[in-house]
C-alpha atoms as a PDB file:
ATOM      1  CA  UNK A   1       0.085  -0.010  -0.084  1.00  0.00           C
ATOM      2  CA  UNK A   2       1.076   3.100  -1.529  1.00  0.00           C
ATOM      3  CA  UNK A   3       1.734   5.766   1.571  1.00  0.00           C
ATOM      4  CA  UNK A   4       1.060   9.427   1.834  1.00  0.00           C
ATOM      5  CA  UNK A   5       4.250  11.547   2.248  1.00  0.00           C
ATOM      6  CA  UNK A   6       3.565  13.945   5.453  1.00  0.00           C
ATOM      7  CA  UNK A   7       3.243  17.197   5.295  1.00  0.00           C
ATOM      8  CA  UNK A   8       6.296  18.002   7.219  1.00  0.00           C
ATOM      9  CA  UNK A   9       8.436  15.582   5.209  1.00  0.00           C
ATOM     10  CA  UNK A  10      10.423  16.963   2.031  1.00  0.00           C
ATOM     11  CA  UNK A  11      11.910  14.733  -0.764  1.00  0.00           C
ATOM     12  CA  UNK A  12      16.454  13.876  -0.325  1.00  0.00           C
ATOM     13  CA  UNK A  13      18.764  16.360  -1.242  1.00  0.00           C
ATOM     14  CA  UNK A  14      18.921  16.348  -5.399  1.00  0.00           C
ATOM     15  CA  UNK A  15      21.838  19.101  -5.819  1.00  0.00           C
ATOM     16  CA  UNK A  16      23.765  21.337  -4.291  1.00  0.00           C
ATOM     17  CA  UNK A  17      21.326  23.654  -3.555  1.00  0.00           C
ATOM     18  CA  UNK A  18      20.478  24.804   0.619  1.00  0.00           C
ATOM     19  CA  UNK A  19      18.252  23.334   2.680  1.00  0.00           C
ATOM     20  CA  UNK A  20      14.931  24.642   2.556  1.00  0.00           C
ATOM     21  CA  UNK A  21      12.808  25.347   5.726  1.00  0.00           C
ATOM     22  CA  UNK A  22       8.911  23.950   5.889  1.00  0.00           C
ATOM     23  CA  UNK A  23       6.919  26.589   6.612  1.00  0.00           C
ATOM     24  CA  UNK A  24       5.163  26.926  10.012  1.00  0.00           C
ATOM     25  CA  UNK A  25       8.061  24.869  11.549  1.00  0.00           C
ATOM     26  CA  UNK A  26      10.377  26.514  14.308  1.00  0.00           C
ATOM     27  CA  UNK A  27      14.187  26.063  13.684  1.00  0.00           C
ATOM     28  CA  UNK A  28      16.520  27.121  16.322  1.00  0.00           C
ATOM     29  CA  UNK A  29      16.911  30.531  14.710  1.00  0.00           C
ATOM     30  CA  UNK A  30      13.139  31.140  14.116  1.00  0.00           C
ATOM     31  CA  UNK A  31      10.559  32.564  16.578  1.00  0.00           C
ATOM     32  CA  UNK A  32       7.830  30.883  18.889  1.00  0.00           C
ATOM     33  CA  UNK A  33       5.111  31.900  15.613  1.00  0.00           C
ATOM     34  CA  UNK A  34       6.682  30.234  13.244  1.00  0.00           C
ATOM     35  CA  UNK A  35       7.420  33.994  11.955  1.00  0.00           C
ATOM     36  CA  UNK A  36      11.159  33.105  10.673  1.00  0.00           C
ATOM     37  CA  UNK A  37      12.033  36.269  12.645  1.00  0.00           C
ATOM     38  CA  UNK A  38      15.905  35.698  13.635  1.00  0.00           C
ATOM     39  CA  UNK A  39      15.796  35.558  17.133  1.00  0.00           C
ATOM     40  CA  UNK A  40      15.303  33.366  20.622  1.00  0.00           C
ATOM     41  CA  UNK A  41      13.224  30.464  19.779  1.00  0.00           C
ATOM     42  CA  UNK A  42      11.704  30.411  22.955  1.00  0.00           C
ATOM     43  CA  UNK A  43      10.151  34.222  22.271  1.00  0.00           C
ATOM     44  CA  UNK A  44      12.394  35.477  25.072  1.00  0.00           C
ATOM     45  CA  UNK A  45      13.507  38.979  24.604  1.00  0.00           C
ATOM     46  CA  UNK A  46      17.627  39.068  24.349  1.00  0.00           C
ATOM     47  CA  UNK A  47      19.536  40.590  27.630  1.00  0.00           C
ATOM     48  CA  UNK A  48      20.403  43.322  25.395  1.00  0.00           C
ATOM     49  CA  UNK A  49      17.436  44.729  22.981  1.00  0.00           C
ATOM     50  CA  UNK A  50      19.497  46.045  20.100  1.00  0.00           C
ATOM     51  CA  UNK A  51      18.248  49.774  20.762  1.00  0.00           C
ATOM     52  CA  UNK A  52      20.090  49.951  23.841  1.00  0.00           C
ATOM     53  CA  UNK A  53      23.320  48.417  22.361  1.00  0.00           C
ATOM     54  CA  UNK A  54      25.908  50.736  21.975  1.00  0.00           C
ATOM     55  CA  UNK A  55      27.237  51.472  18.920  1.00  0.00           C
ATOM     56  CA  UNK A  56      30.955  52.182  17.770  1.00  0.00           C
ATOM     57  CA  UNK A  57      32.681  54.745  15.648  1.00  0.00           C
ATOM     58  CA  UNK A  58      30.585  53.451  12.613  1.00  0.00           C
ATOM     59  CA  UNK A  59      27.545  53.201  14.202  1.00  0.00           C
ATOM     60  CA  UNK A  60      27.357  49.458  13.961  1.00  0.00           C
ATOM     61  CA  UNK A  61      25.856  47.273  17.395  1.00  0.00           C
ATOM     62  CA  UNK A  62      28.674  47.255  19.846  1.00  0.00           C
ATOM     63  CA  UNK A  63      28.660  45.219  23.398  1.00  0.00           C
ATOM     64  CA  UNK A  64      27.091  46.340  26.490  1.00  0.00           C
ATOM     65  CA  UNK A  65      29.297  46.708  28.721  1.00  0.00           C
ATOM     66  CA  UNK A  66      32.017  47.699  26.378  1.00  0.00           C
ATOM     67  CA  UNK A  67      35.122  45.574  26.011  1.00  0.00           C
ATOM     68  CA  UNK A  68      37.874  46.364  28.717  1.00  0.00           C
ATOM     69  CA  UNK A  69      41.046  48.864  26.866  1.00  0.00           C
ATOM     70  CA  UNK A  70      43.863  49.956  28.670  1.00  0.00           C
ATOM     71  CA  UNK A  71      43.654  50.759  32.312  1.00  0.00           C
ATOM     72  CA  UNK A  72      41.701  54.238  33.420  1.00  0.00           C
ATOM     73  CA  UNK A  73      45.011  54.810  35.584  1.00  0.00           C
ATOM     74  CA  UNK A  74      46.795  54.878  32.414  1.00  0.00           C
ATOM     75  CA  UNK A  75      44.832  56.962  30.244  1.00  0.00           C
ATOM     76  CA  UNK A  76      44.869  59.703  32.802  1.00  0.00           C
ATOM     77  CA  UNK A  77      47.694  61.397  34.744  1.00  0.00           C
ATOM     78  CA  UNK A  78      49.564  58.040  35.391  1.00  0.00           C
ATOM     79  CA  UNK A  79      50.078  57.337  31.238  1.00  0.00           C
ATOM     80  CA  UNK A  80      52.046  60.758  31.149  1.00  0.00           C
ATOM     81  CA  UNK A  81      54.226  59.403  34.037  1.00  0.00           C
ATOM     82  CA  UNK A  82      54.997  55.786  32.374  1.00  0.00           C
ATOM     83  CA  UNK A  83      55.163  57.826  29.147  1.00  0.00           C
ATOM     84  CA  UNK A  84      58.311  60.244  31.413  1.00  0.00           C
ATOM     85  CA  UNK A  85      59.407  57.642  32.371  1.00  0.00           C
ATOM     86  CA  UNK A  86      59.872  55.951  28.811  1.00  0.00           C
ATOM     87  CA  UNK A  87      61.432  59.208  27.239  1.00  0.00           C
ATOM     88  CA  UNK A  88      63.539  59.120  30.567  1.00  0.00           C
ATOM     89  CA  UNK A  89      64.714  55.411  29.444  1.00  0.00           C
ATOM     90  CA  UNK A  90      65.671  56.134  26.256  1.00  0.00           C
ATOM     91  CA  UNK A  91      67.898  59.113  26.902  1.00  0.00           C
ATOM     92  CA  UNK A  92      69.313  57.171  29.622  1.00  0.00           C
ATOM     93  CA  UNK A  93      70.524  54.846  27.300  1.00  0.00           C
ATOM     94  CA  UNK A  94      71.164  57.181  24.266  1.00  0.00           C
ATOM     95  CA  UNK A  95      73.745  59.197  27.185  1.00  0.00           C
ATOM     96  CA  UNK A  96      75.426  55.538  28.168  1.00  0.00           C
ATOM     97  CA  UNK A  97      76.019  54.112  24.613  1.00  0.00           C
ATOM     98  CA  UNK A  98      77.386  57.502  23.734  1.00  0.00           C
ATOM     99  CA  UNK A  99      80.063  56.936  26.810  1.00  0.00           C
ATOM    100  CA  UNK A 100      81.064  53.665  26.094  1.00  0.00           C
ATOM    101  CA  UNK A 101      81.598  53.890  22.480  1.00  0.00           C
ATOM    102  CA  UNK A 102      82.991  57.584  22.944  1.00  0.00           C
ATOM    103  CA  UNK A 103      80.651  59.085  20.398  1.00  0.00           C
ATOM    104  CA  UNK A 104      80.310  62.466  19.004  1.00  0.00           C
ATOM    105  CA  UNK A 105      78.058  63.589  22.151  1.00  0.00           C
ATOM    106  CA  UNK A 106      80.620  62.470  24.151  1.00  0.00           C
ATOM    107  CA  UNK A 107      83.568  65.092  22.605  1.00  0.00           C
ATOM    108  CA  UNK A 108      80.761  67.310  22.989  1.00  0.00           C
ATOM    109  CA  UNK A 109      80.112  67.108  26.501  1.00  0.00           C
ATOM    110  CA  UNK A 110      83.561  67.284  26.912  1.00  0.00           C
ATOM    111  CA  UNK A 111      83.917  70.700  24.668  1.00  0.00           C
ATOM    112  CA  UNK A 112      81.101  71.984  26.300  1.00  0.00           C
ATOM    113  CA  UNK A 113      82.428  71.029  30.358  1.00  0.00           C
ATOM    114  CA  UNK A 114      85.816  72.814  29.481  1.00  0.00           C
ATOM    115  CA  UNK A 115      84.312  75.851  29.019  1.00  0.00           C
ATOM    116  CA  UNK A 116      81.994  75.425  32.460  1.00  0.00           C
ATOM    117  CA  UNK A 117      84.702  74.322  34.880  1.00  0.00           C
ATOM    118  CA  UNK A 118      85.550  76.508  37.588  1.00  0.00           C
ATOM    119  CA  UNK A 119      83.261  78.870  36.876  1.00  0.00           C
ATOM    120  CA  UNK A 120      80.994  80.758  39.450  1.00  0.00           C
ATOM    121  CA  UNK A 121      82.106  80.906  43.527  1.00  0.00           C
ATOM    122  CA  UNK A 122      83.974  78.599  44.185  1.00  0.00           C
ATOM    123  CA  UNK A 123      82.456  78.383  47.661  1.00  0.00           C
ATOM    124  CA  UNK A 124      78.879  78.506  46.627  1.00  0.00           C
ATOM    125  CA  UNK A 125      79.765  75.623  44.108  1.00  0.00           C
ATOM    126  CA  UNK A 126      81.201  73.596  46.669  1.00  0.00           C
ATOM    127  CA  UNK A 127      78.077  73.848  49.103  1.00  0.00           C
ATOM    128  CA  UNK A 128      76.133  72.930  46.394  1.00  0.00           C
ATOM    129  CA  UNK A 129      77.820  70.137  45.341  1.00  0.00           C
ATOM    130  CA  UNK A 130      78.159  68.830  49.071  1.00  0.00           C
ATOM    131  CA  UNK A 131      74.260  68.727  48.615  1.00  0.00           C
ATOM    132  CA  UNK A 132      74.736  65.298  46.843  1.00  0.00           C
ATOM    133  CA  UNK A 133      76.992  63.832  49.559  1.00  0.00           C
ATOM    134  CA  UNK A 134      75.807  60.663  52.237  1.00  0.00           C
ATOM    135  CA  UNK A 135      76.803  62.976  54.970  1.00  0.00           C
ATOM    136  CA  UNK A 136      73.590  65.812  53.998  1.00  0.00           C
ATOM    137  CA  UNK A 137      71.025  63.395  51.827  1.00  0.00           C
ATOM    138  CA  UNK A 138      71.115  60.327  54.467  1.00  0.00           C
ATOM    139  CA  UNK A 139      70.320  61.997  57.007  1.00  0.00           C
ATOM    140  CA  UNK A 140      67.339  64.420  55.634  1.00  0.00           C
ATOM    141  CA  UNK A 141      65.833  60.496  54.416  1.00  0.00           C
ATOM    142  CA  UNK A 142      66.798  59.255  57.596  1.00  0.00           C
ATOM    143  CA  UNK A 143      64.307  61.460  59.502  1.00  0.00           C
ATOM    144  CA  UNK A 144      61.707  60.984  56.602  1.00  0.00           C
ATOM    145  CA  UNK A 145      62.082  57.364  57.636  1.00  0.00           C
ATOM    146  CA  UNK A 146      61.813  57.593  61.436  1.00  0.00           C
ATOM    147  CA  UNK A 147      58.848  59.194  61.288  1.00  0.00           C
ATOM    148  CA  UNK A 148      57.386  56.920  58.759  1.00  0.00           C
ATOM    149  CA  UNK A 149      58.095  54.105  61.126  1.00  0.00           C
ATOM    150  CA  UNK A 150      56.373  56.517  63.980  1.00  0.00           C
ATOM    151  CA  UNK A 151      53.556  56.200  62.128  1.00  0.00           C
ATOM    152  CA  UNK A 152      53.323  52.730  61.733  1.00  0.00           C
ATOM    153  CA  UNK A 153      53.849  52.661  57.923  1.00  0.00           C
ATOM    154  CA  UNK A 154      56.886  49.993  58.257  1.00  0.00           C
ATOM    155  CA  UNK A 155      55.898  48.492  54.257  1.00  0.00           C
ATOM    156  CA  UNK A 156      56.476  52.293  52.969  1.00  0.00           C
ATOM    157  CA  UNK A 157      59.698  52.772  55.170  1.00  0.00           C
ATOM    158  CA  UNK A 158      61.218  49.473  53.869  1.00  0.00           C
ATOM    159  CA  UNK A 159      60.490  50.775  50.252  1.00  0.00           C
ATOM    160  CA  UNK A 160      62.153  53.794  50.600  1.00  0.00           C
ATOM    161  CA  UNK A 161      65.449  52.282  52.228  1.00  0.00           C
ATOM    162  CA  UNK A 162      65.691  49.822  49.511  1.00  0.00           C
ATOM    163  CA  UNK A 163      64.737  52.613  46.918  1.00  0.00           C
ATOM    164  CA  UNK A 164      68.057  54.041  48.404  1.00  0.00           C
ATOM    165  CA  UNK A 165      69.877  51.102  48.736  1.00  0.00           C
ATOM    166  CA  UNK A 166      69.599  50.730  44.669  1.00  0.00           C
ATOM    167  CA  UNK A 167      71.740  53.841  43.927  1.00  0.00           C
ATOM    168  CA  UNK A 168      75.117  52.406  44.593  1.00  0.00           C
ATOM    169  CA  UNK A 169      74.006  48.878  42.944  1.00  0.00           C
ATOM    170  CA  UNK A 170      73.127  50.636  39.922  1.00  0.00           C
ATOM    171  CA  UNK A 171      75.668  53.591  39.902  1.00  0.00           C
ATOM    172  CA  UNK A 172      78.965  51.406  40.954  1.00  0.00           C
ATOM    173  CA  UNK A 173      78.709  49.087  38.114  1.00  0.00           C
ATOM    174  CA  UNK A 174      78.011  51.612  35.909  1.00  0.00           C
ATOM    175  CA  UNK A 175      81.101  53.623  37.269  1.00  0.00           C
ATOM    176  CA  UNK A 176      83.458  50.509  36.641  1.00  0.00           C
ATOM    177  CA  UNK A 177      81.461  49.118  33.157  1.00  0.00           C
ATOM    178  CA  UNK A 178      82.419  52.855  31.452  1.00  0.00           C
ATOM    179  CA  UNK A 179      85.553  53.876  33.101  1.00  0.00           C
ATOM    180  CA  UNK A 180      84.665  57.482  32.216  1.00  0.00           C
ATOM    181  CA  UNK A 181      87.786  59.772  32.706  1.00  0.00           C
ATOM    182  CA  UNK A 182      87.382  62.551  35.172  1.00  0.00           C
ATOM    183  CA  UNK A 183      87.426  66.311  34.128  1.00  0.00           C
ATOM    184  CA  UNK A 184      90.745  67.591  35.779  1.00  0.00           C
ATOM    185  CA  UNK A 185      92.266  64.569  36.681  1.00  0.00           C
ATOM    186  CA  UNK A 186      93.564  61.252  35.871  1.00  0.00           C
ATOM    187  CA  UNK A 187      91.253  59.509  37.554  1.00  0.00           C
ATOM    188  CA  UNK A 188      88.626  57.024  36.100  1.00  0.00           C
ATOM    189  CA  UNK A 189      85.200  55.976  37.100  1.00  0.00           C
ATOM    190  CA  UNK A 190      83.066  59.178  36.605  1.00  0.00           C
ATOM    191  CA  UNK A 191      80.225  58.276  35.126  1.00  0.00           C
ATOM    192  CA  UNK A 192      77.206  58.561  36.050  1.00  0.00           C
ATOM    193  CA  UNK A 193      77.482  61.000  38.925  1.00  0.00           C
ATOM    194  CA  UNK A 194      76.906  59.333  42.442  1.00  0.00           C
ATOM    195  CA  UNK A 195      76.375  62.665  44.605  1.00  0.00           C
ATOM    196  CA  UNK A 196      73.675  63.634  41.827  1.00  0.00           C
ATOM    197  CA  UNK A 197      72.115  60.459  42.092  1.00  0.00           C
ATOM    198  CA  UNK A 198      72.007  60.121  45.581  1.00  0.00           C
ATOM    199  CA  UNK A 199      70.626  63.595  46.060  1.00  0.00           C
ATOM    200  CA  UNK A 200      67.929  62.771  43.613  1.00  0.00           C
ATOM    201  CA  UNK A 201      66.897  59.210  45.198  1.00  0.00           C
ATOM    202  CA  UNK A 202      67.273  61.241  48.743  1.00  0.00           C
ATOM    203  CA  UNK A 203      65.394  64.003  48.633  1.00  0.00           C
ATOM    204  CA  UNK A 204      62.838  62.537  46.116  1.00  0.00           C
ATOM    205  CA  UNK A 205      62.050  59.333  48.462  1.00  0.00           C
ATOM    206  CA  UNK A 206      61.810  61.917  51.574  1.00  0.00           C
ATOM    207  CA  UNK A 207      59.175  63.908  50.022  1.00  0.00           C
ATOM    208  CA  UNK A 208      57.471  60.479  48.876  1.00  0.00           C
ATOM    209  CA  UNK A 209      57.319  59.727  51.792  1.00  0.00           C
ATOM    210  CA  UNK A 210      55.904  62.640  53.491  1.00  0.00           C
ATOM    211  CA  UNK A 211      53.441  62.999  51.009  1.00  0.00           C
ATOM    212  CA  UNK A 212      51.690  59.097  51.755  1.00  0.00           C
ATOM    213  CA  UNK A 213      51.478  60.041  55.223  1.00  0.00           C
ATOM    214  CA  UNK A 214      49.075  62.012  56.834  1.00  0.00           C
ATOM    215  CA  UNK A 215      50.360  65.471  58.071  1.00  0.00           C
ATOM    216  CA  UNK A 216      49.487  66.369  61.547  1.00  0.00           C
ATOM    217  CA  UNK A 217      46.940  68.960  62.751  1.00  0.00           C
ATOM    218  CA  UNK A 218      49.126  71.708  63.872  1.00  0.00           C
ATOM    219  CA  UNK A 219      50.975  71.051  60.026  1.00  0.00           C
ATOM    220  CA  UNK A 220      47.332  70.796  58.796  1.00  0.00           C
ATOM    221  CA  UNK A 221      46.117  73.878  59.981  1.00  0.00           C
ATOM    222  CA  UNK A 222      49.280  75.884  58.828  1.00  0.00           C
ATOM    223  CA  UNK A 223      48.825  78.336  55.787  1.00  0.00           C
ATOM    224  CA  UNK A 224      52.344  76.661  55.060  1.00  0.00           C
ATOM    225  CA  UNK A 225      54.088  74.338  53.762  1.00  0.00           C
ATOM    226  CA  UNK A 226      51.864  73.591  50.748  1.00  0.00           C
ATOM    227  CA  UNK A 227      52.234  70.355  49.962  1.00  0.00           C
ATOM    228  CA  UNK A 228      53.521  71.261  46.396  1.00  0.00           C
ATOM    229  CA  UNK A 229      56.707  73.027  48.114  1.00  0.00           C
ATOM    230  CA  UNK A 230      58.211  69.637  48.908  1.00  0.00           C
ATOM    231  CA  UNK A 231      58.267  68.665  45.194  1.00  0.00           C
ATOM    232  CA  UNK A 232      59.470  71.542  44.266  1.00  0.00           C
ATOM    233  CA  UNK A 233      62.502  71.761  47.040  1.00  0.00           C
ATOM    234  CA  UNK A 234      63.536  68.346  45.778  1.00  0.00           C
ATOM    235  CA  UNK A 235      63.814  69.565  42.330  1.00  0.00           C
ATOM    236  CA  UNK A 236      65.592  72.343  43.257  1.00  0.00           C
ATOM    237  CA  UNK A 237      67.958  70.212  45.644  1.00  0.00           C
ATOM    238  CA  UNK A 238      68.770  67.909  42.392  1.00  0.00           C
ATOM    239  CA  UNK A 239      69.550  70.551  40.307  1.00  0.00           C
ATOM    240  CA  UNK A 240      71.863  72.841  42.413  1.00  0.00           C
ATOM    241  CA  UNK A 241      73.832  69.564  43.612  1.00  0.00           C
ATOM    242  CA  UNK A 242      74.312  68.629  39.381  1.00  0.00           C
ATOM    243  CA  UNK A 243      75.027  72.513  38.650  1.00  0.00           C
ATOM    244  CA  UNK A 244      77.831  72.610  41.624  1.00  0.00           C
ATOM    245  CA  UNK A 245      79.374  69.738  40.091  1.00  0.00           C
ATOM    246  CA  UNK A 246      79.984  70.969  36.629  1.00  0.00           C
ATOM    247  CA  UNK A 247      80.742  74.301  37.873  1.00  0.00           C
ATOM    248  CA  UNK A 248      83.262  73.400  40.138  1.00  0.00           C
ATOM    249  CA  UNK A 249      85.168  70.380  37.815  1.00  0.00           C
ATOM    250  CA  UNK A 250      83.867  66.963  39.371  1.00  0.00           C
ATOM    251  CA  UNK A 251      81.800  66.199  36.921  1.00  0.00           C
ATOM    252  CA  UNK A 252      80.808  66.400  33.205  1.00  0.00           C
ATOM    253  CA  UNK A 253      77.809  67.728  32.082  1.00  0.00           C
ATOM    254  CA  UNK A 254      77.073  64.080  30.782  1.00  0.00           C
ATOM    255  CA  UNK A 255      77.597  62.646  34.214  1.00  0.00           C
ATOM    256  CA  UNK A 256      75.343  64.627  36.257  1.00  0.00           C
ATOM    257  CA  UNK A 257      72.451  64.661  32.453  1.00  0.00           C
ATOM    258  CA  UNK A 258      72.698  60.765  33.279  1.00  0.00           C
ATOM    259  CA  UNK A 259      72.174  61.019  36.879  1.00  0.00           C
ATOM    260  CA  UNK A 260      68.661  63.356  36.363  1.00  0.00           C
ATOM    261  CA  UNK A 261      67.446  60.379  33.973  1.00  0.00           C
ATOM    262  CA  UNK A 262      68.586  57.855  36.394  1.00  0.00           C
ATOM    263  CA  UNK A 263      66.926  58.984  39.730  1.00  0.00           C
ATOM    264  CA  UNK A 264      63.290  59.353  38.424  1.00  0.00           C
ATOM    265  CA  UNK A 265      63.434  55.194  37.466  1.00  0.00           C
ATOM    266  CA  UNK A 266      65.071  54.215  40.690  1.00  0.00           C
ATOM    267  CA  UNK A 267      62.019  56.211  42.359  1.00  0.00           C
ATOM    268  CA  UNK A 268      59.205  54.637  40.359  1.00  0.00           C
ATOM    269  CA  UNK A 269      58.494  51.702  42.095  1.00  0.00           C
ATOM    270  CA  UNK A 270      58.291  53.979  45.882  1.00  0.00           C
ATOM    271  CA  UNK A 271      56.022  56.428  43.839  1.00  0.00           C
ATOM    272  CA  UNK A 272      53.717  53.418  43.280  1.00  0.00           C
ATOM    273  CA  UNK A 273      53.925  52.419  46.819  1.00  0.00           C
ATOM    274  CA  UNK A 274      53.221  56.133  47.904  1.00  0.00           C
ATOM    275  CA  UNK A 275      50.255  56.793  45.585  1.00  0.00           C
ATOM    276  CA  UNK A 276      48.788  53.554  46.851  1.00  0.00           C
ATOM    277  CA  UNK A 277      49.621  54.436  50.700  1.00  0.00           C
ATOM    278  CA  UNK A 278      48.013  57.344  50.121  1.00  0.00           C
ATOM    279  CA  UNK A 279      44.473  56.038  48.722  1.00  0.00           C
ATOM    280  CA  UNK A 280      44.688  53.891  51.841  1.00  0.00           C
ATOM    281  CA  UNK A 281      45.146  56.599  54.033  1.00  0.00           C
ATOM    282  CA  UNK A 282      42.354  58.866  52.230  1.00  0.00           C
ATOM    283  CA  UNK A 283      39.590  56.110  52.026  1.00  0.00           C
END
């Protein structure tokens, strides 16, 4: 007996054509009413309606929430800090390379330095040079570390101490590797300037520690010193140290410039810890 095919059955594929939908039947991507509308098969609305989706620059539907991109800290002010640190790394690498290979930048540095040596009052340039000595810069940082320990900021004090210890650990190998002869002397191992690096890190670390800790009540009520005065003071002391070393004939200008680049790079981890401590104390 010949069976009558049921309406839902179709004949076998006889060619490469696309499969045909049977009318009135629900596919996986058709609506529950069989209308053929490509949305969820159970008729429920999607989690994110198309009208509520964000669009990209071309007007196409995007995703909600948006796809994560760069961290907000890099897009805001911290991004400029990391960009500045990258420039300092590039400049320090360029100077070190020129000193190592005795390139044209080194010869230019020697010509400029010869014109600057023994300029200015000798007593004043000597005082400026001594600002980067361990006998002056290290006690300043020690007072800041003692205050941090008194405020029970042990982690901050440890990071600051390690930052200061990183100066000889970085400077001494560079001095030995480059073996640059100093001005007005036959001695070597003058690159980079240890006094300038010591001043930059000691005074910079002092400022970062003090800014991360809550100020006493009597200091908060005073009209001065303002918070911005401390970084300015650290920059002026470090700048005066480098100028004094060059004018007095202790270092070449590139020795000082390299340490000016090295100081912020060494201080970068402590700056990060200081920012986190300041957020916790204010929160």
